[in-house]
PDB file of N, CA and C in Angstrom:
ATOM      1  N   MET A   1     108.209 133.752 127.245  1.00  0.00           N
ATOM      2  CA  MET A   1     107.189 134.295 126.366  1.00  0.00           C
ATOM      3  C   MET A   1     107.499 133.968 124.899  1.00  0.00           C
ATOM      4  N   GLN A   2     108.792 134.108 124.525  1.00  0.00           N
ATOM      5  CA  GLN A   2     109.187 133.795 123.152  1.00  0.00           C
ATOM      6  C   GLN A   2     108.858 132.349 122.801  1.00  0.00           C
ATOM      7  N   PHE A   3     109.139 131.445 123.723  1.00  0.00           N
ATOM      8  CA  PHE A   3     108.873 130.029 123.480  1.00  0.00           C
ATOM      9  C   PHE A   3     107.384 129.806 123.250  1.00  0.00           C
ATOM     10  N   LEU A   4     106.566 130.441 124.047  1.00  0.00           N
ATOM     11  CA  LEU A   4     105.117 130.305 123.904  1.00  0.00           C
ATOM     12  C   LEU A   4     104.648 130.808 122.537  1.00  0.00           C
ATOM     13  N   ILE A   5     105.190 131.916 122.084  1.00  0.00           N
ATOM     14  CA  ILE A   5     104.839 132.458 120.760  1.00  0.00           C
ATOM     15  C   ILE A   5     105.242 131.467 119.667  1.00  0.00           C
ATOM     16  N   LYS A   6     106.426 130.874 119.791  1.00  0.00           N
ATOM     17  CA  LYS A   6     106.877 129.883 118.813  1.00  0.00           C
ATOM     18  C   LYS A   6     105.927 128.691 118.766  1.00  0.00           C
ATOM     19  N   VAL A   7     105.535 128.213 119.928  1.00  0.00           N
ATOM     20  CA  VAL A   7     104.630 127.067 120.002  1.00  0.00           C
ATOM     21  C   VAL A   7     103.286 127.411 119.370  1.00  0.00           C
ATOM     22  N   ILE A   8     102.754 128.573 119.676  1.00  0.00           N
ATOM     23  CA  ILE A   8     101.447 128.976 119.152  1.00  0.00           C
ATOM     24  C   ILE A   8     101.488 129.125 117.637  1.00  0.00           C
ATOM     25  N   VAL A   9     102.507 129.807 117.108  1.00  0.00           N
ATOM     26  CA  VAL A   9     102.623 130.004 115.654  1.00  0.00           C
ATOM     27  C   VAL A   9     102.754 128.657 114.958  1.00  0.00           C
ATOM     28  N   THR A  10     103.598 127.790 115.490  1.00  0.00           N
ATOM     29  CA  THR A  10     103.804 126.473 114.897  1.00  0.00           C
ATOM     30  C   THR A  10     102.515 125.651 114.947  1.00  0.00           C
ATOM     31  N   ALA A  11     101.826 125.670 116.071  1.00  0.00           N
ATOM     32  CA  ALA A  11     100.573 124.919 116.209  1.00  0.00           C
ATOM     33  C   ALA A  11      99.503 125.431 115.252  1.00  0.00           C
ATOM     34  N   ILE A  12      99.431 126.730 115.071  1.00  0.00           N
ATOM     35  CA  ILE A  12      98.450 127.306 114.134  1.00  0.00           C
ATOM     36  C   ILE A  12      98.731 126.825 112.715  1.00  0.00           C
ATOM     37  N   ILE A  13      99.982 126.808 112.326  1.00  0.00           N
ATOM     38  CA  ILE A  13     100.344 126.351 110.976  1.00  0.00           C
ATOM     39  C   ILE A  13      99.958 124.885 110.794  1.00  0.00           C
ATOM     40  N   VAL A  14     100.265 124.044 111.764  1.00  0.00           N
ATOM     41  CA  VAL A  14      99.926 122.629 111.676  1.00  0.00           C
ATOM     42  C   VAL A  14      98.413 122.445 111.613  1.00  0.00           C
ATOM     43  N   ALA A  15      97.687 123.187 112.422  1.00  0.00           N
ATOM     44  CA  ALA A  15      96.216 123.082 112.424  1.00  0.00           C
ATOM     45  C   ALA A  15      95.630 123.504 111.080  1.00  0.00           C
ATOM     46  N   ILE A  16      96.149 124.565 110.503  1.00  0.00           N
ATOM     47  CA  ILE A  16      95.663 125.030 109.201  1.00  0.00           C
ATOM     48  C   ILE A  16      95.923 123.966 108.127  1.00  0.00           C
ATOM     49  N   VAL A  17      97.117 123.406 108.137  1.00  0.00           N
ATOM     50  CA  VAL A  17      97.457 122.367 107.158  1.00  0.00           C
ATOM     51  C   VAL A  17      96.536 121.163 107.330  1.00  0.00           C
ATOM     52  N   SER A  18      96.277 120.778 108.556  1.00  0.00           N
ATOM     53  CA  SER A  18      95.376 119.658 108.821  1.00  0.00           C
ATOM     54  C   SER A  18      93.974 119.944 108.288  1.00  0.00           C
ATOM     55  N   TYR A  19      93.488 121.132 108.517  1.00  0.00           N
ATOM     56  CA  TYR A  19      92.160 121.527 108.051  1.00  0.00           C
ATOM     57  C   TYR A  19      92.087 121.535 106.522  1.00  0.00           C
ATOM     58  N   VAL A  20      93.071 122.138 105.894  1.00  0.00           N
ATOM     59  CA  VAL A  20      93.101 122.214 104.424  1.00  0.00           C
ATOM     60  C   VAL A  20      93.177 120.810 103.829  1.00  0.00           C
ATOM     61  N   SER A  21      93.954 119.926 104.460  1.00  0.00           N
ATOM     62  CA  SER A  21      94.136 118.563 103.949  1.00  0.00           C
ATOM     63  C   SER A  21      92.828 117.775 103.929  1.00  0.00           C
ATOM     64  N   ARG A  22      91.937 118.051 104.875  1.00  0.00           N
ATOM     65  CA  ARG A  22      90.648 117.343 104.901  1.00  0.00           C
ATOM     66  C   ARG A  22      89.803 117.694 103.688  1.00  0.00           C
ATOM     67  N   LYS A  23      89.830 118.940 103.285  1.00  0.00           N
ATOM     68  CA  LYS A  23      88.992 119.397 102.176  1.00  0.00           C
ATOM     69  C   LYS A  23      89.681 119.263 100.819  1.00  0.00           C
ATOM     70  N   PHE A  24      90.994 119.486 100.799  1.00  0.00           N
ATOM     71  CA  PHE A  24      91.754 119.461  99.556  1.00  0.00           C
ATOM     72  C   PHE A  24      93.050 118.680  99.780  1.00  0.00           C
ATOM     73  N   PRO A  25      92.986 117.339  99.688  1.00  0.00           N
ATOM     74  CA  PRO A  25      94.161 116.521  99.989  1.00  0.00           C
ATOM     75  C   PRO A  25      95.407 116.874  99.172  1.00  0.00           C
ATOM     76  N   THR A  26      95.241 117.190  97.907  1.00  0.00           N
ATOM     77  CA  THR A  26      96.401 117.508  97.075  1.00  0.00           C
ATOM     78  C   THR A  26      97.066 118.797  97.543  1.00  0.00           C
ATOM     79  N   ILE A  27      96.279 119.806  97.827  1.00  0.00           N
ATOM     80  CA  ILE A  27      96.846 121.066  98.331  1.00  0.00           C
ATOM     81  C   ILE A  27      97.501 120.824  99.683  1.00  0.00           C
ATOM     82  N   GLY A  28      96.837 120.036 100.529  1.00  0.00           N
ATOM     83  CA  GLY A  28      97.430 119.692 101.819  1.00  0.00           C
ATOM     84  C   GLY A  28      98.762 118.989 101.652  1.00  0.00           C
ATOM     85  N   ALA A  29      98.826 118.065 100.696  1.00  0.00           N
ATOM     86  CA  ALA A  29     100.073 117.341 100.445  1.00  0.00           C
ATOM     87  C   ALA A  29     101.174 118.286  99.970  1.00  0.00           C
ATOM     88  N   ILE A  30     100.811 119.220  99.122  1.00  0.00           N
ATOM     89  CA  ILE A  30     101.803 120.191  98.634  1.00  0.00           C
ATOM     90  C   ILE A  30     102.340 121.018  99.799  1.00  0.00           C
ATOM     91  N   VAL A  31     101.424 121.491 100.632  1.00  0.00           N
ATOM     92  CA  VAL A  31     101.848 122.311 101.772  1.00  0.00           C
ATOM     93  C   VAL A  31     102.676 121.485 102.758  1.00  0.00           C
ATOM     94  N   VAL A  32     102.229 120.257 103.029  1.00  0.00           N
ATOM     95  CA  VAL A  32     102.958 119.409 103.964  1.00  0.00           C
ATOM     96  C   VAL A  32     104.330 119.023 103.411  1.00  0.00           C
ATOM     97  N   SER A  33     104.424 118.892 102.096  1.00  0.00           N
ATOM     98  CA  SER A  33     105.719 118.517 101.518  1.00  0.00           C
ATOM     99  C   SER A  33     106.739 119.643 101.627  1.00  0.00           C
ATOM    100  N   LEU A  34     106.258 120.855 101.852  1.00  0.00           N
ATOM    101  CA  LEU A  34     107.196 121.947 102.109  1.00  0.00           C
ATOM    102  C   LEU A  34     107.916 121.659 103.419  1.00  0.00           C
ATOM    103  N   PRO A  35     109.144 122.042 103.519  1.00  0.00           N
ATOM    104  CA  PRO A  35     109.859 121.780 104.775  1.00  0.00           C
ATOM    105  C   PRO A  35     109.469 122.795 105.859  1.00  0.00           C
ATOM    106  N   LEU A  36     108.167 122.802 106.217  1.00  0.00           N
ATOM    107  CA  LEU A  36     107.675 123.796 107.173  1.00  0.00           C
ATOM    108  C   LEU A  36     108.389 123.730 108.517  1.00  0.00           C
ATOM    109  N   THR A  37     108.567 122.527 109.024  1.00  0.00           N
ATOM    110  CA  THR A  37     109.247 122.396 110.313  1.00  0.00           C
ATOM    111  C   THR A  37     110.670 122.934 110.218  1.00  0.00           C
ATOM    112  N   SER A  38     111.351 122.569 109.152  1.00  0.00           N
ATOM    113  CA  SER A  38     112.716 123.051 108.964  1.00  0.00           C
ATOM    114  C   SER A  38     112.743 124.570 108.806  1.00  0.00           C
ATOM    115  N   MET A  39     111.810 125.092 108.015  1.00  0.00           N
ATOM    116  CA  MET A  39     111.765 126.540 107.808  1.00  0.00           C
ATOM    117  C   MET A  39     111.509 127.271 109.118  1.00  0.00           C
ATOM    118  N   LEU A  40     110.560 126.760 109.904  1.00  0.00           N
ATOM    119  CA  LEU A  40     110.275 127.384 111.200  1.00  0.00           C
ATOM    120  C   LEU A  40     111.489 127.299 112.125  1.00  0.00           C
ATOM    121  N   ALA A  41     112.106 126.121 112.187  1.00  0.00           N
ATOM    122  CA  ALA A  41     113.270 125.953 113.055  1.00  0.00           C
ATOM    123  C   ALA A  41     114.407 126.881 112.636  1.00  0.00           C
ATOM    124  N   ILE A  42     114.613 127.010 111.339  1.00  0.00           N
ATOM    125  CA  ILE A  42     115.670 127.899 110.841  1.00  0.00           C
ATOM    126  C   ILE A  42     115.352 129.350 111.187  1.00  0.00           C
ATOM    127  N   MET A  43     114.092 129.736 110.984  1.00  0.00           N
ATOM    128  CA  MET A  43     113.713 131.119 111.321  1.00  0.00           C
ATOM    129  C   MET A  43     113.875 131.385 112.808  1.00  0.00           C
ATOM    130  N   TRP A  44     113.404 130.456 113.664  1.00  0.00           N
ATOM    131  CA  TRP A  44     113.523 130.657 115.111  1.00  0.00           C
ATOM    132  C   TRP A  44     114.997 130.677 115.513  1.00  0.00           C
ATOM    133  N   LEU A  45     115.811 129.795 114.930  1.00  0.00           N
ATOM    134  CA  LEU A  45     117.239 129.765 115.247  1.00  0.00           C
ATOM    135  C   LEU A  45     117.900 131.090 114.890  1.00  0.00           C
ATOM    136  N   TYR A  46     117.620 131.583 113.695  1.00  0.00           N
ATOM    137  CA  TYR A  46     118.225 132.850 113.278  1.00  0.00           C
ATOM    138  C   TYR A  46     117.736 134.002 114.158  1.00  0.00           C
ATOM    139  N   ARG A  47     116.443 133.998 114.441  1.00  0.00           N
ATOM    140  CA  ARG A  47     115.884 135.069 115.279  1.00  0.00           C
ATOM    141  C   ARG A  47     116.514 135.067 116.660  1.00  0.00           C
ATOM    142  N   ASP A  48     116.748 133.870 117.198  1.00  0.00           N
ATOM    143  CA  ASP A  48     117.321 133.747 118.539  1.00  0.00           C
ATOM    144  C   ASP A  48     118.816 134.069 118.584  1.00  0.00           C
ATOM    145  N   THR A  49     119.535 133.744 117.499  1.00  0.00           N
ATOM    146  CA  THR A  49     121.004 133.844 117.545  1.00  0.00           C
ATOM    147  C   THR A  49     121.598 134.888 116.603  1.00  0.00           C
ATOM    148  N   ASN A  50     120.866 135.241 115.535  1.00  0.00           N
ATOM    149  CA  ASN A  50     121.420 136.091 114.463  1.00  0.00           C
ATOM    150  C   ASN A  50     122.736 135.527 113.930  1.00  0.00           C
ATOM    151  N   ASP A  51     122.870 134.221 113.977  1.00  0.00           N
ATOM    152  CA  ASP A  51     124.105 133.552 113.588  1.00  0.00           C
ATOM    153  C   ASP A  51     123.874 132.744 112.312  1.00  0.00           C
ATOM    154  N   VAL A  52     124.346 133.287 111.196  1.00  0.00           N
ATOM    155  CA  VAL A  52     124.182 132.623 109.903  1.00  0.00           C
ATOM    156  C   VAL A  52     124.933 131.295 109.877  1.00  0.00           C
ATOM    157  N   ALA A  53     126.064 131.217 110.570  1.00  0.00           N
ATOM    158  CA  ALA A  53     126.832 129.967 110.594  1.00  0.00           C
ATOM    159  C   ALA A  53     126.009 128.839 111.214  1.00  0.00           C
ATOM    160  N   LYS A  54     125.255 129.129 112.246  1.00  0.00           N
ATOM    161  CA  LYS A  54     124.393 128.105 112.859  1.00  0.00           C
ATOM    162  C   LYS A  54     123.275 127.693 111.904  1.00  0.00           C
ATOM    163  N   VAL A  55     122.748 128.658 111.160  1.00  0.00           N
ATOM    164  CA  VAL A  55     121.707 128.354 110.167  1.00  0.00           C
ATOM    165  C   VAL A  55     122.286 127.462 109.073  1.00  0.00           C
ATOM    166  N   ILE A  56     123.491 127.773 108.622  1.00  0.00           N
ATOM    167  CA  ILE A  56     124.152 126.955 107.602  1.00  0.00           C
ATOM    168  C   ILE A  56     124.377 125.539 108.126  1.00  0.00           C
ATOM    169  N   GLU A  57     124.867 125.429 109.356  1.00  0.00           N
ATOM    170  CA  GLU A  57     125.128 124.117 109.949  1.00  0.00           C
ATOM    171  C   GLU A  57     123.847 123.291 110.044  1.00  0.00           C
ATOM    172  N   LEU A  58     122.770 123.898 110.511  1.00  0.00           N
ATOM    173  CA  LEU A  58     121.491 123.196 110.598  1.00  0.00           C
ATOM    174  C   LEU A  58     120.993 122.804 109.208  1.00  0.00           C
ATOM    175  N   SER A  59     121.083 123.719 108.257  1.00  0.00           N
ATOM    176  CA  SER A  59     120.621 123.446 106.890  1.00  0.00           C
ATOM    177  C   SER A  59     121.396 122.302 106.251  1.00  0.00           C
ATOM    178  N   GLN A  60     122.690 122.288 106.457  1.00  0.00           N
ATOM    179  CA  GLN A  60     123.501 121.201 105.895  1.00  0.00           C
ATOM    180  C   GLN A  60     123.131 119.858 106.536  1.00  0.00           C
ATOM    181  N   ALA A  61     122.898 119.849 107.825  1.00  0.00           N
ATOM    182  CA  ALA A  61     122.496 118.610 108.498  1.00  0.00           C
ATOM    183  C   ALA A  61     121.154 118.129 107.962  1.00  0.00           C
ATOM    184  N   ILE A  62     120.241 119.071 107.723  1.00  0.00           N
ATOM    185  CA  ILE A  62     118.925 118.713 107.181  1.00  0.00           C
ATOM    186  C   ILE A  62     119.070 118.096 105.792  1.00  0.00           C
ATOM    187  N   ILE A  63     119.944 118.662 104.970  1.00  0.00           N
ATOM    188  CA  ILE A  63     120.166 118.117 103.622  1.00  0.00           C
ATOM    189  C   ILE A  63     120.523 116.640 103.708  1.00  0.00           C
ATOM    190  N   TRP A  64     121.435 116.305 104.605  1.00  0.00           N
ATOM    191  CA  TRP A  64     121.883 114.922 104.710  1.00  0.00           C
ATOM    192  C   TRP A  64     120.822 114.007 105.294  1.00  0.00           C
ATOM    193  N   ILE A  65     120.050 114.498 106.246  1.00  0.00           N
ATOM    194  CA  ILE A  65     119.187 113.610 107.014  1.00  0.00           C
ATOM    195  C   ILE A  65     117.772 113.491 106.459  1.00  0.00           C
ATOM    196  N   VAL A  66     117.401 114.304 105.493  1.00  0.00           N
ATOM    197  CA  VAL A  66     116.032 114.274 104.978  1.00  0.00           C
ATOM    198  C   VAL A  66     115.748 113.015 104.146  1.00  0.00           C
ATOM    199  N   VAL A  67     116.757 112.468 103.529  1.00  0.00           N
ATOM    200  CA  VAL A  67     116.564 111.316 102.642  1.00  0.00           C
ATOM    201  C   VAL A  67     115.899 110.130 103.344  1.00  0.00           C
ATOM    202  N   PRO A  68     116.388 109.697 104.509  1.00  0.00           N
ATOM    203  CA  PRO A  68     115.747 108.535 105.121  1.00  0.00           C
ATOM    204  C   PRO A  68     114.334 108.792 105.645  1.00  0.00           C
ATOM    205  N   SER A  69     113.947 110.035 105.786  1.00  0.00           N
ATOM    206  CA  SER A  69     112.579 110.293 106.262  1.00  0.00           C
ATOM    207  C   SER A  69     111.537 109.851 105.229  1.00  0.00           C
ATOM    208  N   ILE A  70     111.939 109.754 103.984  1.00  0.00           N
ATOM    209  CA  ILE A  70     111.041 109.296 102.930  1.00  0.00           C
ATOM    210  C   ILE A  70     110.625 107.841 103.174  1.00  0.00           C
ATOM    211  N   VAL A  71     111.483 107.091 103.837  1.00  0.00           N
ATOM    212  CA  VAL A  71     111.192 105.689 104.157  1.00  0.00           C
ATOM    213  C   VAL A  71     109.895 105.590 104.973  1.00  0.00           C
ATOM    214  N   PHE A  72     109.660 106.564 105.851  1.00  0.00           N
ATOM    215  CA  PHE A  72     108.428 106.565 106.660  1.00  0.00           C
ATOM    216  C   PHE A  72     107.205 106.548 105.755  1.00  0.00           C
ATOM    217  N   PHE A  73     107.178 107.426 104.774  1.00  0.00           N
ATOM    218  CA  PHE A  73     106.002 107.545 103.909  1.00  0.00           C
ATOM    219  C   PHE A  73     105.817 106.320 103.026  1.00  0.00           C
ATOM    220  N   ILE A  74     106.907 105.769 102.541  1.00  0.00           N
ATOM    221  CA  ILE A  74     106.821 104.552 101.728  1.00  0.00           C
ATOM    222  C   ILE A  74     106.260 103.412 102.571  1.00  0.00           C
ATOM    223  N   ALA A  75     106.797 103.240 103.772  1.00  0.00           N
ATOM    224  CA  ALA A  75     106.321 102.169 104.656  1.00  0.00           C
ATOM    225  C   ALA A  75     104.859 102.380 105.037  1.00  0.00           C
ATOM    226  N   LEU A  76     104.491 103.615 105.354  1.00  0.00           N
ATOM    227  CA  LEU A  76     103.112 103.891 105.758  1.00  0.00           C
ATOM    228  C   LEU A  76     102.127 103.542 104.643  1.00  0.00           C
ATOM    229  N   VAL A  77     102.424 103.972 103.441  1.00  0.00           N
ATOM    230  CA  VAL A  77     101.539 103.679 102.306  1.00  0.00           C
ATOM    231  C   VAL A  77     101.424 102.177 102.097  1.00  0.00           C
ATOM    232  N   LEU A  78     102.551 101.479 102.102  1.00  0.00           N
ATOM    233  CA  LEU A  78     102.518 100.036 101.883  1.00  0.00           C
ATOM    234  C   LEU A  78     101.734  99.317 102.980  1.00  0.00           C
ATOM    235  N   LEU A  79     101.936  99.702 104.222  1.00  0.00           N
ATOM    236  CA  LEU A  79     101.223  99.061 105.327  1.00  0.00           C
ATOM    237  C   LEU A  79      99.724  99.337 105.260  1.00  0.00           C
ATOM    238  N   LEU A  80      99.358 100.571 105.019  1.00  0.00           N
ATOM    239  CA  LEU A  80      97.934 100.910 104.957  1.00  0.00           C
ATOM    240  C   LEU A  80      97.251 100.233 103.772  1.00  0.00           C
ATOM    241  N   LYS A  81      97.934 100.146 102.645  1.00  0.00           N
ATOM    242  CA  LYS A  81      97.358  99.462 101.486  1.00  0.00           C
ATOM    243  C   LYS A  81      97.175  97.966 101.743  1.00  0.00           C
ATOM    244  N   ASN A  82      97.932  97.449 102.702  1.00  0.00           N
ATOM    245  CA  ASN A  82      97.805  96.034 103.061  1.00  0.00           C
ATOM    246  C   ASN A  82      96.946  95.841 104.309  1.00  0.00           C
ATOM    247  N   ASP A  83      96.061  96.809 104.544  1.00  0.00           N
ATOM    248  CA  ASP A  83      95.048  96.733 105.600  1.00  0.00           C
ATOM    249  C   ASP A  83      95.591  96.637 107.026  1.00  0.00           C
ATOM    250  N   VAL A  84      96.781  97.177 107.240  1.00  0.00           N
ATOM    251  CA  VAL A  84      97.291  97.272 108.603  1.00  0.00           C
ATOM    252  C   VAL A  84      96.557  98.434 109.273  1.00  0.00           C
ATOM    253  N   LYS A  85      96.139  98.248 110.518  1.00  0.00           N
ATOM    254  CA  LYS A  85      95.418  99.292 111.243  1.00  0.00           C
ATOM    255  C   LYS A  85      96.262 100.565 111.312  1.00  0.00           C
ATOM    256  N   PHE A  86      95.575 101.702 111.240  1.00  0.00           N
ATOM    257  CA  PHE A  86      96.252 102.993 111.103  1.00  0.00           C
ATOM    258  C   PHE A  86      97.333 103.235 112.156  1.00  0.00           C
ATOM    259  N   TYR A  87      96.994 103.155 113.437  1.00  0.00           N
ATOM    260  CA  TYR A  87      97.972 103.493 114.479  1.00  0.00           C
ATOM    261  C   TYR A  87      99.133 102.510 114.521  1.00  0.00           C
ATOM    262  N   PHE A  88      98.842 101.250 114.236  1.00  0.00           N
ATOM    263  CA  PHE A  88      99.920 100.269 114.180  1.00  0.00           C
ATOM    264  C   PHE A  88     100.815 100.551 112.967  1.00  0.00           C
ATOM    265  N   ALA A  89     100.210 100.937 111.852  1.00  0.00           N
ATOM    266  CA  ALA A  89     100.984 101.296 110.658  1.00  0.00           C
ATOM    267  C   ALA A  89     101.871 102.513 110.943  1.00  0.00           C
ATOM    268  N   MET A  90     101.327 103.495 111.667  1.00  0.00           N
ATOM    269  CA  MET A  90     102.129 104.671 112.040  1.00  0.00           C
ATOM    270  C   MET A  90     103.311 104.260 112.908  1.00  0.00           C
ATOM    271  N   PHE A  91     103.034 103.394 113.886  1.00  0.00           N
ATOM    272  CA  PHE A  91     104.095 102.915 114.775  1.00  0.00           C
ATOM    273  C   PHE A  91     105.171 102.165 113.986  1.00  0.00           C
ATOM    274  N   CYS A  92     104.737 101.211 113.164  1.00  0.00           N
ATOM    275  CA  CYS A  92     105.684 100.410 112.373  1.00  0.00           C
ATOM    276  C   CYS A  92     106.483 101.288 111.415  1.00  0.00           C
ATOM    277  N   SER A  93     105.822 102.241 110.787  1.00  0.00           N
ATOM    278  CA  SER A  93     106.507 103.141 109.862  1.00  0.00           C
ATOM    279  C   SER A  93     107.555 103.967 110.589  1.00  0.00           C
ATOM    280  N   SER A  94     107.233 104.375 111.804  1.00  0.00           N
ATOM    281  CA  SER A  94     108.189 105.145 112.609  1.00  0.00           C
ATOM    282  C   SER A  94     109.400 104.295 112.973  1.00  0.00           C
ATOM    283  N   VAL A  95     109.161 103.045 113.359  1.00  0.00           N
ATOM    284  CA  VAL A  95     110.264 102.144 113.691  1.00  0.00           C
ATOM    285  C   VAL A  95     111.130 101.895 112.456  1.00  0.00           C
ATOM    286  N   ILE A  96     110.489 101.656 111.329  1.00  0.00           N
ATOM    287  CA  ILE A  96     111.217 101.437 110.075  1.00  0.00           C
ATOM    288  C   ILE A  96     112.042 102.670 109.722  1.00  0.00           C
ATOM    289  N   MET A  97     111.467 103.859 109.911  1.00  0.00           N
ATOM    290  CA  MET A  97     112.197 105.098 109.625  1.00  0.00           C
ATOM    291  C   MET A  97     113.416 105.228 110.542  1.00  0.00           C
ATOM    292  N   ILE A  98     113.241 104.937 111.825  1.00  0.00           N
ATOM    293  CA  ILE A  98     114.361 105.026 112.766  1.00  0.00           C
ATOM    294  C   ILE A  98     115.467 104.054 112.371  1.00  0.00           C
ATOM    295  N   LEU A  99     115.077 102.843 111.990  1.00  0.00           N
ATOM    296  CA  LEU A  99     116.073 101.883 111.498  1.00  0.00           C
ATOM    297  C   LEU A  99     116.752 102.412 110.239  1.00  0.00           C
ATOM    298  N   GLY A 100     115.949 103.017 109.353  1.00  0.00           N
ATOM    299  CA  GLY A 100     116.500 103.611 108.132  1.00  0.00           C
ATOM    300  C   GLY A 100     117.509 104.702 108.436  1.00  0.00           C
ATOM    301  N   TYR A 101     117.189 105.547 109.422  1.00  0.00           N
ATOM    302  CA  TYR A 101     118.136 106.594 109.830  1.00  0.00           C
ATOM    303  C   TYR A 101     119.444 105.980 110.309  1.00  0.00           C
ATOM    304  N   ASN A 102     119.337 104.949 111.126  1.00  0.00           N
ATOM    305  CA  ASN A 102     120.550 104.322 111.654  1.00  0.00           C
ATOM    306  C   ASN A 102     121.400 103.708 110.551  1.00  0.00           C
ATOM    307  N   VAL A 103     120.768 103.006 109.628  1.00  0.00           N
ATOM    308  CA  VAL A 103     121.500 102.415 108.502  1.00  0.00           C
ATOM    309  C   VAL A 103     122.130 103.523 107.654  1.00  0.00           C
ATOM    310  N   TYR A 104     121.371 104.559 107.375  1.00  0.00           N
ATOM    311  CA  TYR A 104     121.843 105.681 106.556  1.00  0.00           C
ATOM    312  C   TYR A 104     123.053 106.364 107.205  1.00  0.00           C
ATOM    313  N   ILE A 105     122.959 106.634 108.492  1.00  0.00           N
ATOM    314  CA  ILE A 105     124.079 107.275 109.202  1.00  0.00           C
ATOM    315  C   ILE A 105     125.298 106.363 109.217  1.00  0.00           C
ATOM    316  N   PHE A 106     125.084 105.063 109.405  1.00  0.00           N
ATOM    317  CA  PHE A 106     126.183 104.098 109.366  1.00  0.00           C
ATOM    318  C   PHE A 106     126.881 104.130 108.013  1.00  0.00           C
ATOM    319  N   VAL A 107     126.096 104.116 106.941  1.00  0.00           N
ATOM    320  CA  VAL A 107     126.659 104.135 105.586  1.00  0.00           C
ATOM    321  C   VAL A 107     127.400 105.453 105.337  1.00  0.00           C
ATOM    322  N   LEU A 108     126.802 106.569 105.735  1.00  0.00           N
ATOM    323  CA  LEU A 108     127.471 107.861 105.543  1.00  0.00           C
ATOM    324  C   LEU A 108     128.818 107.898 106.264  1.00  0.00           C
ATOM    325  N   ARG A 109     128.859 107.372 107.478  1.00  0.00           N
ATOM    326  CA  ARG A 109     130.114 107.367 108.245  1.00  0.00           C
ATOM    327  C   ARG A 109     131.181 106.540 107.541  1.00  0.00           C
ATOM    328  N   LYS A 110     130.767 105.457 106.869  1.00  0.00           N
ATOM    329  CA  LYS A 110     131.720 104.640 106.110  1.00  0.00           C
ATOM    330  C   LYS A 110     132.380 105.453 104.993  1.00  0.00           C
ATOM    331  N   PHE A 111     131.638 106.468 104.503  1.00  0.00           N
ATOM    332  CA  PHE A 111     132.166 107.353 103.465  1.00  0.00           C
ATOM    333  C   PHE A 111     132.771 108.623 104.037  1.00  0.00           C
ATOM    334  N   GLY A 112     132.919 108.681 105.358  1.00  0.00           N
ATOM    335  CA  GLY A 112     133.559 109.830 106.002  1.00  0.00           C
ATOM    336  C   GLY A 112     132.654 111.022 106.240  1.00  0.00           C
ATOM    337  N   VAL A 113     131.337 110.834 106.127  1.00  0.00           N
ATOM    338  CA  VAL A 113     130.401 111.933 106.366  1.00  0.00           C
ATOM    339  C   VAL A 113     129.817 111.759 107.768  1.00  0.00           C
ATOM    340  N   ASN A 114     130.059 112.744 108.614  1.00  0.00           N
ATOM    341  CA  ASN A 114     129.494 112.719 109.967  1.00  0.00           C
ATOM    342  C   ASN A 114     128.452 113.813 110.094  1.00  0.00           C
ATOM    343  N   ILE A 115     127.296 113.433 110.574  1.00  0.00           N
ATOM    344  CA  ILE A 115     126.223 114.403 110.751  1.00  0.00           C
ATOM    345  C   ILE A 115     126.091 114.703 112.231  1.00  0.00           C
TER     346      ILE A 115
END
């Protein structure tokens, strides 16, 4: 039952953001730029475990790993501006982001940072 409630709350938030973005793109962008997924995951983790150490561990991992996710948005904008079809641009941007994550993690490990 708890899992179902989490799914419903999360889906409602995503649907609201999608709706707002259609009418007010800037407001939608502001809301989407918030770390909603991270905030929800942190809240659900704390609610499930009451373990601040786990919340800290997740938060620290998010700090390190959020940087390469920006590559997705840069690639998507560049591809779409160059008339690449939407779904193919999404696919390519996702692949580029995954490659970016791998390169980023490789570089971090060279500096002794393990995520």
